[in-house]
């Protein structure tokens, strides 16, 4: 076996581990971004829904003002 073979093999294995770790982190970040965007979409939908309810209630809330 050549002298540098085990060192090169170890470096290759470390590189594979680092690549797998980086891909795992990238997938986790993408998953978090997807969940956050879904959460923001739901928040936006419900805030629009609440705004519509508040606007429809507004005339009855201000009946005594006029």
PDB file of N, CA and C in Angstrom:
ATOM      1  N   UNK A   1       0.854  -1.170   0.000  1.00  0.00           N
ATOM      2  CA  UNK A   1       0.000   0.000   0.000  1.00  0.00           C
ATOM      3  C   UNK A   1       0.903   1.238   0.000  1.00  0.00           C
ATOM      4  N   UNK A   2       0.642   2.221  -0.875  1.00  0.00           N
ATOM      5  CA  UNK A   2       1.446   3.436  -0.914  1.00  0.00           C
ATOM      6  C   UNK A   2       1.301   4.238   0.374  1.00  0.00           C
ATOM      7  N   UNK A   3       2.302   5.063   0.642  1.00  0.00           N
ATOM      8  CA  UNK A   3       2.343   5.805   1.907  1.00  0.00           C
ATOM      9  C   UNK A   3       1.160   6.750   2.065  1.00  0.00           C
ATOM     10  N   UNK A   4       0.822   7.514   1.025  1.00  0.00           N
ATOM     11  CA  UNK A   4      -0.227   8.519   1.129  1.00  0.00           C
ATOM     12  C   UNK A   4      -1.635   7.990   0.940  1.00  0.00           C
ATOM     13  N   UNK A   5      -1.784   6.701   0.707  1.00  0.00           N
ATOM     14  CA  UNK A   5      -3.113   6.161   0.399  1.00  0.00           C
ATOM     15  C   UNK A   5      -4.075   6.295   1.576  1.00  0.00           C
ATOM     16  N   UNK A   6      -3.659   5.925   2.766  1.00  0.00           N
ATOM     17  CA  UNK A   6      -4.567   5.983   3.912  1.00  0.00           C
ATOM     18  C   UNK A   6      -4.903   7.433   4.270  1.00  0.00           C
ATOM     19  N   UNK A   7      -3.921   8.322   4.102  1.00  0.00           N
ATOM     20  CA  UNK A   7      -4.188   9.738   4.367  1.00  0.00           C
ATOM     21  C   UNK A   7      -5.196  10.284   3.357  1.00  0.00           C
ATOM     22  N   UNK A   8      -5.020   9.929   2.092  1.00  0.00           N
ATOM     23  CA  UNK A   8      -5.942  10.390   1.053  1.00  0.00           C
ATOM     24  C   UNK A   8      -7.334   9.796   1.269  1.00  0.00           C
ATOM     25  N   UNK A   9      -7.374   8.528   1.654  1.00  0.00           N
ATOM     26  CA  UNK A   9      -8.664   7.885   1.921  1.00  0.00           C
ATOM     27  C   UNK A   9      -9.371   8.576   3.086  1.00  0.00           C
ATOM     28  N   UNK A  10      -8.610   8.904   4.129  1.00  0.00           N
ATOM     29  CA  UNK A  10      -9.196   9.599   5.277  1.00  0.00           C
ATOM     30  C   UNK A  10      -9.702  10.979   4.869  1.00  0.00           C
ATOM     31  N   UNK A  11      -8.921  11.684   4.045  1.00  0.00           N
ATOM     32  CA  UNK A  11      -9.363  13.000   3.573  1.00  0.00           C
ATOM     33  C   UNK A  11     -10.624  12.893   2.723  1.00  0.00           C
ATOM     34  N   UNK A  12     -10.697  11.863   1.893  1.00  0.00           N
ATOM     35  CA  UNK A  12     -11.904  11.653   1.080  1.00  0.00           C
ATOM     36  C   UNK A  12     -13.120  11.377   1.961  1.00  0.00           C
ATOM     37  N   UNK A  13     -12.929  10.574   2.997  1.00  0.00           N
ATOM     38  CA  UNK A  13     -14.051  10.281   3.890  1.00  0.00           C
ATOM     39  C   UNK A  13     -14.497  11.527   4.642  1.00  0.00           C
ATOM     40  N   UNK A  14     -13.532  12.339   5.084  1.00  0.00           N
ATOM     41  CA  UNK A  14     -13.880  13.595   5.753  1.00  0.00           C
ATOM     42  C   UNK A  14     -14.640  14.501   4.791  1.00  0.00           C
ATOM     43  N   UNK A  15     -14.199  14.548   3.534  1.00  0.00           N
ATOM     44  CA  UNK A  15     -14.884  15.372   2.534  1.00  0.00           C
ATOM     45  C   UNK A  15     -16.319  14.889   2.312  1.00  0.00           C
ATOM     46  N   UNK A  16     -16.510  13.569   2.255  1.00  0.00           N
ATOM     47  CA  UNK A  16     -17.866  13.021   2.092  1.00  0.00           C
ATOM     48  C   UNK A  16     -18.746  13.365   3.290  1.00  0.00           C
ATOM     49  N   UNK A  17     -18.184  13.276   4.477  1.00  0.00           N
ATOM     50  CA  UNK A  17     -18.955  13.610   5.686  1.00  0.00           C
ATOM     51  C   UNK A  17     -19.333  15.084   5.683  1.00  0.00           C
ATOM     52  N   UNK A  18     -18.377  15.954   5.318  1.00  0.00           N
ATOM     53  CA  UNK A  18     -18.673  17.389   5.268  1.00  0.00           C
ATOM     54  C   UNK A  18     -19.718  17.701   4.207  1.00  0.00           C
ATOM     55  N   UNK A  19     -19.620  17.049   3.050  1.00  0.00           N
ATOM     56  CA  UNK A  19     -20.619  17.265   2.001  1.00  0.00           C
ATOM     57  C   UNK A  19     -22.001  16.824   2.465  1.00  0.00           C
ATOM     58  N   UNK A  20     -22.066  15.666   3.116  1.00  0.00           N
ATOM     59  CA  UNK A  20     -23.355  15.185   3.617  1.00  0.00           C
ATOM     60  C   UNK A  20     -23.908  16.132   4.672  1.00  0.00           C
ATOM     61  N   UNK A  21     -23.028  16.651   5.535  1.00  0.00           N
ATOM     62  CA  UNK A  21     -23.471  17.586   6.570  1.00  0.00           C
ATOM     63  C   UNK A  21     -23.979  18.877   5.951  1.00  0.00           C
ATOM     64  N   UNK A  22     -23.258  19.379   4.949  1.00  0.00           N
ATOM     65  CA  UNK A  22     -23.695  20.608   4.286  1.00  0.00           C
ATOM     66  C   UNK A  22     -25.033  20.419   3.585  1.00  0.00           C
ATOM     67  N   UNK A  23     -25.209  19.270   2.917  1.00  0.00           N
ATOM     68  CA  UNK A  23     -26.492  19.002   2.261  1.00  0.00           C
ATOM     69  C   UNK A  23     -27.616  18.885   3.287  1.00  0.00           C
ATOM     70  N   UNK A  24     -27.321  18.251   4.422  1.00  0.00           N
ATOM     71  CA  UNK A  24     -28.345  18.125   5.466  1.00  0.00           C
ATOM     72  C   UNK A  24     -28.734  19.499   5.993  1.00  0.00           C
ATOM     73  N   UNK A  25     -27.746  20.373   6.206  1.00  0.00           N
ATOM     74  CA  UNK A  25     -28.056  21.725   6.674  1.00  0.00           C
ATOM     75  C   UNK A  25     -28.835  22.500   5.628  1.00  0.00           C
ATOM     76  N   UNK A  26     -28.464  22.356   4.359  1.00  0.00           N
ATOM     77  CA  UNK A  26     -29.178  23.050   3.285  1.00  0.00           C
ATOM     78  C   UNK A  26     -30.634  22.590   3.215  1.00  0.00           C
ATOM     79  N   UNK A  27     -30.850  21.281   3.297  1.00  0.00           N
ATOM     80  CA  UNK A  27     -32.221  20.768   3.264  1.00  0.00           C
ATOM     81  C   UNK A  27     -33.016  21.247   4.474  1.00  0.00           C
ATOM     82  N   UNK A  28     -32.369  21.307   5.636  1.00  0.00           N
ATOM     83  CA  UNK A  28     -33.050  21.792   6.836  1.00  0.00           C
ATOM     84  C   UNK A  28     -33.433  23.259   6.685  1.00  0.00           C
ATOM     85  N   UNK A  29     -32.520  24.071   6.141  1.00  0.00           N
ATOM     86  CA  UNK A  29     -32.818  25.490   5.927  1.00  0.00           C
ATOM     87  C   UNK A  29     -33.962  25.641   4.931  1.00  0.00           C
ATOM     88  N   UNK A  30     -33.935  24.874   3.845  1.00  0.00           N
ATOM     89  CA  UNK A  30     -35.028  24.947   2.871  1.00  0.00           C
ATOM     90  C   UNK A  30     -36.351  24.521   3.497  1.00  0.00           C
ATOM     91  N   UNK A  31     -36.311  23.497   4.342  1.00  0.00           N
ATOM     92  CA  UNK A  31     -37.517  23.049   5.042  1.00  0.00           C
ATOM     93  C   UNK A  31     -38.057  24.165   5.942  1.00  0.00           C
ATOM     94  N   UNK A  32     -37.152  24.842   6.657  1.00  0.00           N
ATOM     95  CA  UNK A  32     -37.575  25.932   7.543  1.00  0.00           C
ATOM     96  C   UNK A  32     -38.147  27.098   6.748  1.00  0.00           C
ATOM     97  N   UNK A  33     -37.534  27.406   5.613  1.00  0.00           N
ATOM     98  CA  UNK A  33     -38.046  28.488   4.769  1.00  0.00           C
ATOM     99  C   UNK A  33     -39.424  28.129   4.241  1.00  0.00           C
ATOM    100  N   UNK A  34     -39.600  26.874   3.842  1.00  0.00           N
ATOM    101  CA  UNK A  34     -40.909  26.430   3.345  1.00  0.00           C
ATOM    102  C   UNK A  34     -41.963  26.538   4.446  1.00  0.00           C
ATOM    103  N   UNK A  35     -41.625  26.075   5.648  1.00  0.00           N
ATOM    104  CA  UNK A  35     -42.577  26.154   6.757  1.00  0.00           C
ATOM    105  C   UNK A  35     -42.880  27.606   7.116  1.00  0.00           C
ATOM    106  N   UNK A  36     -41.854  28.447   7.091  1.00  0.00           N
ATOM    107  CA  UNK A  36     -42.065  29.859   7.416  1.00  0.00           C
ATOM    108  C   UNK A  36     -42.942  30.526   6.370  1.00  0.00           C
ATOM    109  N   UNK A  37     -42.728  30.186   5.102  1.00  0.00           N
ATOM    110  CA  UNK A  37     -43.557  30.799   4.061  1.00  0.00           C
ATOM    111  C   UNK A  37     -44.995  30.301   4.158  1.00  0.00           C
ATOM    112  N   UNK A  38     -45.178  29.040   4.519  1.00  0.00           N
ATOM    113  CA  UNK A  38     -46.535  28.536   4.724  1.00  0.00           C
ATOM    114  C   UNK A  38     -47.185  29.233   5.908  1.00  0.00           C
ATOM    115  N   UNK A  39     -46.413  29.432   6.963  1.00  0.00           N
ATOM    116  CA  UNK A  39     -46.938  30.137   8.130  1.00  0.00           C
ATOM    117  C   UNK A  39     -47.304  31.564   7.803  1.00  0.00           C
ATOM    118  N   UNK A  40     -46.461  32.236   7.020  1.00  0.00           N
ATOM    119  CA  UNK A  40     -46.757  33.614   6.636  1.00  0.00           C
ATOM    120  C   UNK A  40     -47.985  33.664   5.730  1.00  0.00           C
ATOM    121  N   UNK A  41     -48.121  32.673   4.845  1.00  0.00           N
ATOM    122  CA  UNK A  41     -49.293  32.640   3.976  1.00  0.00           C
ATOM    123  C   UNK A  41     -50.562  32.443   4.799  1.00  0.00           C
ATOM    124  N   UNK A  42     -50.511  31.548   5.778  1.00  0.00           N
ATOM    125  CA  UNK A  42     -51.673  31.346   6.642  1.00  0.00           C
ATOM    126  C   UNK A  42     -51.968  32.594   7.463  1.00  0.00           C
ATOM    127  N   UNK A  43     -50.908  33.223   7.981  1.00  0.00           N
ATOM    128  CA  UNK A  43     -51.094  34.452   8.749  1.00  0.00           C
ATOM    129  C   UNK A  43     -51.717  35.536   7.875  1.00  0.00           C
ATOM    130  N   UNK A  44     -51.227  35.647   6.637  1.00  0.00           N
ATOM    131  CA  UNK A  44     -51.762  36.654   5.720  1.00  0.00           C
ATOM    132  C   UNK A  44     -53.235  36.360   5.412  1.00  0.00           C
ATOM    133  N   UNK A  45     -53.547  35.081   5.170  1.00  0.00           N
ATOM    134  CA  UNK A  45     -54.928  34.709   4.872  1.00  0.00           C
ATOM    135  C   UNK A  45     -55.845  35.046   6.044  1.00  0.00           C
ATOM    136  N   UNK A  46     -55.444  34.657   7.256  1.00  0.00           N
ATOM    137  CA  UNK A  46     -56.303  34.907   8.407  1.00  0.00           C
ATOM    138  C   UNK A  46     -56.372  36.385   8.760  1.00  0.00           C
ATOM    139  N   UNK A  47     -55.283  37.127   8.508  1.00  0.00           N
ATOM    140  CA  UNK A  47     -55.347  38.563   8.776  1.00  0.00           C
ATOM    141  C   UNK A  47     -56.294  39.237   7.790  1.00  0.00           C
ATOM    142  N   UNK A  48     -56.312  38.777   6.541  1.00  0.00           N
ATOM    143  CA  UNK A  48     -57.290  39.320   5.590  1.00  0.00           C
ATOM    144  C   UNK A  48     -58.705  38.959   6.023  1.00  0.00           C
ATOM    145  N   UNK A  49     -58.876  37.722   6.479  1.00  0.00           N
ATOM    146  CA  UNK A  49     -60.184  37.275   6.934  1.00  0.00           C
ATOM    147  C   UNK A  49     -60.650  38.111   8.127  1.00  0.00           C
ATOM    148  N   UNK A  50     -59.743  38.363   9.073  1.00  0.00           N
ATOM    149  CA  UNK A  50     -60.093  39.171  10.240  1.00  0.00           C
ATOM    150  C   UNK A  50     -60.381  40.602   9.851  1.00  0.00           C
ATOM    151  N   UNK A  51     -59.648  41.133   8.884  1.00  0.00           N
ATOM    152  CA  UNK A  51     -59.900  42.498   8.425  1.00  0.00           C
ATOM    153  C   UNK A  51     -61.287  42.594   7.817  1.00  0.00           C
ATOM    154  N   UNK A  52     -61.665  41.571   7.029  1.00  0.00           N
ATOM    155  CA  UNK A  52     -63.000  41.595   6.424  1.00  0.00           C
ATOM    156  C   UNK A  52     -64.079  41.550   7.506  1.00  0.00           C
ATOM    157  N   UNK A  53     -63.859  40.748   8.521  1.00  0.00           N
ATOM    158  CA  UNK A  53     -64.843  40.676   9.605  1.00  0.00           C
ATOM    159  C   UNK A  53     -64.913  42.019  10.327  1.00  0.00           C
ATOM    160  N   UNK A  54     -63.761  42.614  10.616  1.00  0.00           N
ATOM    161  CA  UNK A  54     -63.754  43.896  11.313  1.00  0.00           C
ATOM    162  C   UNK A  54     -64.412  44.984  10.481  1.00  0.00           C
ATOM    163  N   UNK A  55     -64.166  44.979   9.182  1.00  0.00           N
ATOM    164  CA  UNK A  55     -64.774  45.990   8.314  1.00  0.00           C
ATOM    165  C   UNK A  55     -66.282  45.788   8.265  1.00  0.00           C
ATOM    166  N   UNK A  56     -66.732  44.535   8.220  1.00  0.00           N
ATOM    167  CA  UNK A  56     -68.173  44.311   8.165  1.00  0.00           C
ATOM    168  C   UNK A  56     -68.835  44.684   9.492  1.00  0.00           C
ATOM    169  N   UNK A  57     -68.109  44.626  10.592  1.00  0.00           N
ATOM    170  CA  UNK A  57     -68.673  45.007  11.885  1.00  0.00           C
ATOM    171  C   UNK A  57     -68.572  46.512  12.136  1.00  0.00           C
ATOM    172  N   UNK A  58     -67.733  47.193  11.399  1.00  0.00           N
ATOM    173  CA  UNK A  58     -67.463  48.601  11.679  1.00  0.00           C
ATOM    174  C   UNK A  58     -68.717  49.471  11.681  1.00  0.00           C
ATOM    175  N   UNK A  59     -69.636  49.354  10.720  1.00  0.00           N
ATOM    176  CA  UNK A  59     -70.817  50.234  10.762  1.00  0.00           C
ATOM    177  C   UNK A  59     -71.653  50.042  12.027  1.00  0.00           C
ATOM    178  N   UNK A  60     -71.817  48.804  12.490  1.00  0.00           N
ATOM    179  CA  UNK A  60     -72.612  48.594  13.701  1.00  0.00           C
ATOM    180  C   UNK A  60     -71.873  49.102  14.938  1.00  0.00           C
ATOM    181  N   UNK A  61     -70.543  49.091  14.908  1.00  0.00           N
ATOM    182  CA  UNK A  61     -69.780  49.581  16.057  1.00  0.00           C
ATOM    183  C   UNK A  61     -69.902  51.091  16.203  1.00  0.00           C
ATOM    184  N   UNK A  62     -70.095  51.805  15.102  1.00  0.00           N
ATOM    185  CA  UNK A  62     -70.119  53.268  15.136  1.00  0.00           C
ATOM    186  C   UNK A  62     -71.531  53.835  14.973  1.00  0.00           C
ATOM    187  N   UNK A  63     -72.546  53.059  15.280  1.00  0.00           N
ATOM    188  CA  UNK A  63     -73.926  53.520  15.127  1.00  0.00           C
ATOM    189  C   UNK A  63     -74.235  54.727  16.006  1.00  0.00           C
ATOM    190  N   UNK A  64     -73.767  54.711  17.247  1.00  0.00           N
ATOM    191  CA  UNK A  64     -74.104  55.774  18.190  1.00  0.00           C
ATOM    192  C   UNK A  64     -73.292  57.043  17.974  1.00  0.00           C
ATOM    193  N   UNK A  65     -72.233  56.973  17.159  1.00  0.00           N
ATOM    194  CA  UNK A  65     -71.373  58.139  16.966  1.00  0.00           C
ATOM    195  C   UNK A  65     -72.081  59.188  16.127  1.00  0.00           C
ATOM    196  N   UNK A  66     -72.831  58.792  15.106  1.00  0.00           N
ATOM    197  CA  UNK A  66     -73.440  59.758  14.180  1.00  0.00           C
ATOM    198  C   UNK A  66     -74.658  60.436  14.720  1.00  0.00           C
TER     199      UNK A  66
END
